Amino acid sequence: MNINLTLAPLVSLIAGILILVMPRLLNYIVAIYLILIGLIGLFGTGRFLH
């Protein structure tokens, strides 16, 4: 059984859980998420997964 997870949905899931647990972190979580998505878009997911 092969389970392929891409990084973006995993990051957004973790961010959503953290926002529910600690709403004060919303600004930081959104900023980090946007930076990560930008880096993934620029460099591709290959460098982050291997």
PDB file of N, CA and C in Angstrom:
ATOM      1  N   MET A   1       0.847  -1.181   0.000  1.00  0.00           N
ATOM      2  CA  MET A   1       0.000   0.000   0.000  1.00  0.00           C
ATOM      3  C   MET A   1       0.887   1.238   0.000  1.00  0.00           C
ATOM      4  N   ASN A   2       0.723   2.077  -0.975  1.00  0.00           N
ATOM      5  CA  ASN A   2       1.528   3.288  -1.113  1.00  0.00           C
ATOM      6  C   ASN A   2       0.691   4.505  -0.760  1.00  0.00           C
ATOM      7  N   ILE A   3       1.212   5.313   0.156  1.00  0.00           N
ATOM      8  CA  ILE A   3       0.536   6.558   0.503  1.00  0.00           C
ATOM      9  C   ILE A   3       1.465   7.698   0.140  1.00  0.00           C
ATOM     10  N   ASN A   4       1.059   8.504  -0.818  1.00  0.00           N
ATOM     11  CA  ASN A   4       1.865   9.637  -1.241  1.00  0.00           C
ATOM     12  C   ASN A   4       1.273  10.921  -0.681  1.00  0.00           C
ATOM     13  N   LEU A   5       2.030  11.598   0.180  1.00  0.00           N
ATOM     14  CA  LEU A   5       1.589  12.872   0.735  1.00  0.00           C
ATOM     15  C   LEU A   5       2.440  13.980   0.148  1.00  0.00           C
ATOM     16  N   THR A   6       1.796  14.989  -0.340  1.00  0.00           N
ATOM     17  CA  THR A   6       2.548  16.150  -0.774  1.00  0.00           C
ATOM     18  C   THR A   6       2.681  17.093   0.410  1.00  0.00           C
ATOM     19  N   LEU A   7       3.607  17.998   0.312  1.00  0.00           N
ATOM     20  CA  LEU A   7       3.933  18.838   1.448  1.00  0.00           C
ATOM     21  C   LEU A   7       2.862  19.890   1.734  1.00  0.00           C
ATOM     22  N   ALA A   8       2.275  20.488   0.733  1.00  0.00           N
ATOM     23  CA  ALA A   8       1.321  21.580   0.935  1.00  0.00           C
ATOM     24  C   ALA A   8       0.093  21.154   1.754  1.00  0.00           C
ATOM     25  N   PRO A   9      -0.585  20.050   1.438  1.00  0.00           N
ATOM     26  CA  PRO A   9      -1.743  19.666   2.262  1.00  0.00           C
ATOM     27  C   PRO A   9      -1.348  19.310   3.693  1.00  0.00           C
ATOM     28  N   LEU A  10      -0.175  18.726   3.858  1.00  0.00           N
ATOM     29  CA  LEU A  10       0.283  18.373   5.197  1.00  0.00           C
ATOM     30  C   LEU A  10       0.549  19.636   6.027  1.00  0.00           C
ATOM     31  N   VAL A  11       1.191  20.616   5.418  1.00  0.00           N
ATOM     32  CA  VAL A  11       1.467  21.874   6.106  1.00  0.00           C
ATOM     33  C   VAL A  11       0.167  22.586   6.450  1.00  0.00           C
ATOM     34  N   SER A  12      -0.793  22.598   5.541  1.00  0.00           N
ATOM     35  CA  SER A  12      -2.054  23.282   5.821  1.00  0.00           C
ATOM     36  C   SER A  12      -2.849  22.558   6.907  1.00  0.00           C
ATOM     37  N   LEU A  13      -2.756  21.246   6.971  1.00  0.00           N
ATOM     38  CA  LEU A  13      -3.436  20.505   8.032  1.00  0.00           C
ATOM     39  C   LEU A  13      -2.843  20.852   9.390  1.00  0.00           C
ATOM     40  N   ILE A  14      -1.535  20.853   9.480  1.00  0.00           N
ATOM     41  CA  ILE A  14      -0.863  21.203  10.735  1.00  0.00           C
ATOM     42  C   ILE A  14      -1.182  22.641  11.127  1.00  0.00           C
ATOM     43  N   ALA A  15      -1.167  23.557  10.159  1.00  0.00           N
ATOM     44  CA  ALA A  15      -1.480  24.958  10.434  1.00  0.00           C
ATOM     45  C   ALA A  15      -2.913  25.097  10.942  1.00  0.00           C
ATOM     46  N   GLY A  16      -3.842  24.400  10.341  1.00  0.00           N
ATOM     47  CA  GLY A  16      -5.234  24.463  10.779  1.00  0.00           C
ATOM     48  C   GLY A  16      -5.420  23.965  12.202  1.00  0.00           C
ATOM     49  N   ILE A  17      -4.738  22.885  12.540  1.00  0.00           N
ATOM     50  CA  ILE A  17      -4.829  22.349  13.903  1.00  0.00           C
ATOM     51  C   ILE A  17      -4.228  23.339  14.905  1.00  0.00           C
ATOM     52  N   LEU A  18      -3.085  23.923  14.557  1.00  0.00           N
ATOM     53  CA  LEU A  18      -2.459  24.889  15.462  1.00  0.00           C
ATOM     54  C   LEU A  18      -3.324  26.130  15.659  1.00  0.00           C
ATOM     55  N   ILE A  19      -3.994  26.576  14.598  1.00  0.00           N
ATOM     56  CA  ILE A  19      -4.878  27.744  14.712  1.00  0.00           C
ATOM     57  C   ILE A  19      -6.060  27.428  15.630  1.00  0.00           C
ATOM     58  N   LEU A  20      -6.588  26.212  15.539  1.00  0.00           N
ATOM     59  CA  LEU A  20      -7.685  25.834  16.425  1.00  0.00           C
ATOM     60  C   LEU A  20      -7.237  25.775  17.881  1.00  0.00           C
ATOM     61  N   VAL A  21      -6.038  25.270  18.114  1.00  0.00           N
ATOM     62  CA  VAL A  21      -5.543  25.115  19.478  1.00  0.00           C
ATOM     63  C   VAL A  21      -5.098  26.453  20.059  1.00  0.00           C
ATOM     64  N   MET A  22      -4.368  27.241  19.260  1.00  0.00           N
ATOM     65  CA  MET A  22      -3.826  28.519  19.732  1.00  0.00           C
ATOM     66  C   MET A  22      -4.142  29.624  18.727  1.00  0.00           C
ATOM     67  N   PRO A  23      -5.310  30.245  18.826  1.00  0.00           N
ATOM     68  CA  PRO A  23      -5.716  31.253  17.828  1.00  0.00           C
ATOM     69  C   PRO A  23      -4.774  32.459  17.747  1.00  0.00           C
ATOM     70  N   ARG A  24      -4.029  32.750  18.810  1.00  0.00           N
ATOM     71  CA  ARG A  24      -3.118  33.897  18.776  1.00  0.00           C
ATOM     72  C   ARG A  24      -1.971  33.701  17.792  1.00  0.00           C
ATOM     73  N   LEU A  25      -1.719  32.468  17.401  1.00  0.00           N
ATOM     74  CA  LEU A  25      -0.625  32.182  16.469  1.00  0.00           C
ATOM     75  C   LEU A  25      -1.022  32.364  15.008  1.00  0.00           C
ATOM     76  N   LEU A  26      -2.236  32.817  14.751  1.00  0.00           N
ATOM     77  CA  LEU A  26      -2.746  32.882  13.387  1.00  0.00           C
ATOM     78  C   LEU A  26      -1.825  33.659  12.445  1.00  0.00           C
ATOM     79  N   ASN A  27      -1.370  34.839  12.847  1.00  0.00           N
ATOM     80  CA  ASN A  27      -0.516  35.645  11.974  1.00  0.00           C
ATOM     81  C   ASN A  27       0.778  34.923  11.625  1.00  0.00           C
ATOM     82  N   TYR A  28       1.398  34.305  12.619  1.00  0.00           N
ATOM     83  CA  TYR A  28       2.659  33.607  12.381  1.00  0.00           C
ATOM     84  C   TYR A  28       2.461  32.379  11.498  1.00  0.00           C
ATOM     85  N   ILE A  29       1.391  31.643  11.758  1.00  0.00           N
ATOM     86  CA  ILE A  29       1.136  30.429  10.983  1.00  0.00           C
ATOM     87  C   ILE A  29       0.861  30.772   9.524  1.00  0.00           C
ATOM     88  N   VAL A  30       0.067  31.810   9.289  1.00  0.00           N
ATOM     89  CA  VAL A  30      -0.223  32.217   7.913  1.00  0.00           C
ATOM     90  C   VAL A  30       1.046  32.672   7.213  1.00  0.00           C
ATOM     91  N   ALA A  31       1.879  33.436   7.902  1.00  0.00           N
ATOM     92  CA  ALA A  31       3.126  33.908   7.304  1.00  0.00           C
ATOM     93  C   ALA A  31       4.052  32.742   6.964  1.00  0.00           C
ATOM     94  N   ILE A  32       4.223  31.813   7.884  1.00  0.00           N
ATOM     95  CA  ILE A  32       5.092  30.657   7.636  1.00  0.00           C
ATOM     96  C   ILE A  32       4.528  29.807   6.502  1.00  0.00           C
ATOM     97  N   TYR A  33       3.210  29.612   6.483  1.00  0.00           N
ATOM     98  CA  TYR A  33       2.586  28.829   5.422  1.00  0.00           C
ATOM     99  C   TYR A  33       2.823  29.457   4.056  1.00  0.00           C
ATOM    100  N   LEU A  34       2.641  30.764   3.965  1.00  0.00           N
ATOM    101  CA  LEU A  34       2.853  31.436   2.689  1.00  0.00           C
ATOM    102  C   LEU A  34       4.308  31.355   2.243  1.00  0.00           C
ATOM    103  N   ILE A  35       5.228  31.472   3.177  1.00  0.00           N
ATOM    104  CA  ILE A  35       6.651  31.352   2.839  1.00  0.00           C
ATOM    105  C   ILE A  35       6.953  29.939   2.345  1.00  0.00           C
ATOM    106  N   LEU A  36       6.441  28.936   3.030  1.00  0.00           N
ATOM    107  CA  LEU A  36       6.690  27.549   2.605  1.00  0.00           C
ATOM    108  C   LEU A  36       6.106  27.262   1.229  1.00  0.00           C
ATOM    109  N   ILE A  37       4.883  27.723   0.984  1.00  0.00           N
ATOM    110  CA  ILE A  37       4.263  27.498  -0.326  1.00  0.00           C
ATOM    111  C   ILE A  37       5.061  28.212  -1.412  1.00  0.00           C
ATOM    112  N   GLY A  38       5.555  29.413  -1.112  1.00  0.00           N
ATOM    113  CA  GLY A  38       6.381  30.133  -2.076  1.00  0.00           C
ATOM    114  C   GLY A  38       7.669  29.391  -2.383  1.00  0.00           C
ATOM    115  N   LEU A  39       8.313  28.846  -1.343  1.00  0.00           N
ATOM    116  CA  LEU A  39       9.553  28.089  -1.559  1.00  0.00           C
ATOM    117  C   LEU A  39       9.297  26.819  -2.354  1.00  0.00           C
ATOM    118  N   ILE A  40       8.191  26.148  -2.050  1.00  0.00           N
ATOM    119  CA  ILE A  40       7.845  24.940  -2.807  1.00  0.00           C
ATOM    120  C   ILE A  40       7.598  25.296  -4.270  1.00  0.00           C
ATOM    121  N   GLY A  41       6.933  26.404  -4.514  1.00  0.00           N
ATOM    122  CA  GLY A  41       6.666  26.831  -5.883  1.00  0.00           C
ATOM    123  C   GLY A  41       7.938  27.182  -6.637  1.00  0.00           C
ATOM    124  N   LEU A  42       8.891  27.787  -5.947  1.00  0.00           N
ATOM    125  CA  LEU A  42      10.137  28.182  -6.610  1.00  0.00           C
ATOM    126  C   LEU A  42      11.072  27.004  -6.860  1.00  0.00           C
ATOM    127  N   PHE A  43      11.226  26.157  -5.867  1.00  0.00           N
ATOM    128  CA  PHE A  43      12.245  25.102  -5.945  1.00  0.00           C
ATOM    129  C   PHE A  43      11.674  23.715  -6.217  1.00  0.00           C
ATOM    130  N   GLY A  44      10.398  23.529  -6.127  1.00  0.00           N
ATOM    131  CA  GLY A  44       9.797  22.214  -6.333  1.00  0.00           C
ATOM    132  C   GLY A  44       9.830  21.402  -5.045  1.00  0.00           C
ATOM    133  N   THR A  45       9.034  20.350  -5.001  1.00  0.00           N
ATOM    134  CA  THR A  45       8.935  19.550  -3.779  1.00  0.00           C
ATOM    135  C   THR A  45      10.068  18.540  -3.656  1.00  0.00           C
ATOM    136  N   GLY A  46      10.799  18.265  -4.694  1.00  0.00           N
ATOM    137  CA  GLY A  46      11.847  17.250  -4.650  1.00  0.00           C
ATOM    138  C   GLY A  46      12.915  17.520  -3.616  1.00  0.00           C
ATOM    139  N   ARG A  47      13.303  18.746  -3.456  1.00  0.00           N
ATOM    140  CA  ARG A  47      14.349  19.081  -2.492  1.00  0.00           C
ATOM    141  C   ARG A  47      13.880  18.979  -1.051  1.00  0.00           C
ATOM    142  N   PHE A  48      12.570  19.124  -0.816  1.00  0.00           N
ATOM    143  CA  PHE A  48      12.074  19.088   0.538  1.00  0.00           C
ATOM    144  C   PHE A  48      11.802  17.651   1.013  1.00  0.00           C
ATOM    145  N   LEU A  49      11.540  16.765   0.092  1.00  0.00           N
ATOM    146  CA  LEU A  49      11.179  15.409   0.471  1.00  0.00           C
ATOM    147  C   LEU A  49      12.360  14.453   0.514  1.00  0.00           C
ATOM    148  N   HIS A  50      13.466  14.788  -0.084  1.00  0.00           N
ATOM    149  CA  HIS A  50      14.606  13.856  -0.119  1.00  0.00           C
ATOM    150  C   HIS A  50      15.759  14.419   0.649  1.00  0.00           C
TER     151      HIS A  50
END
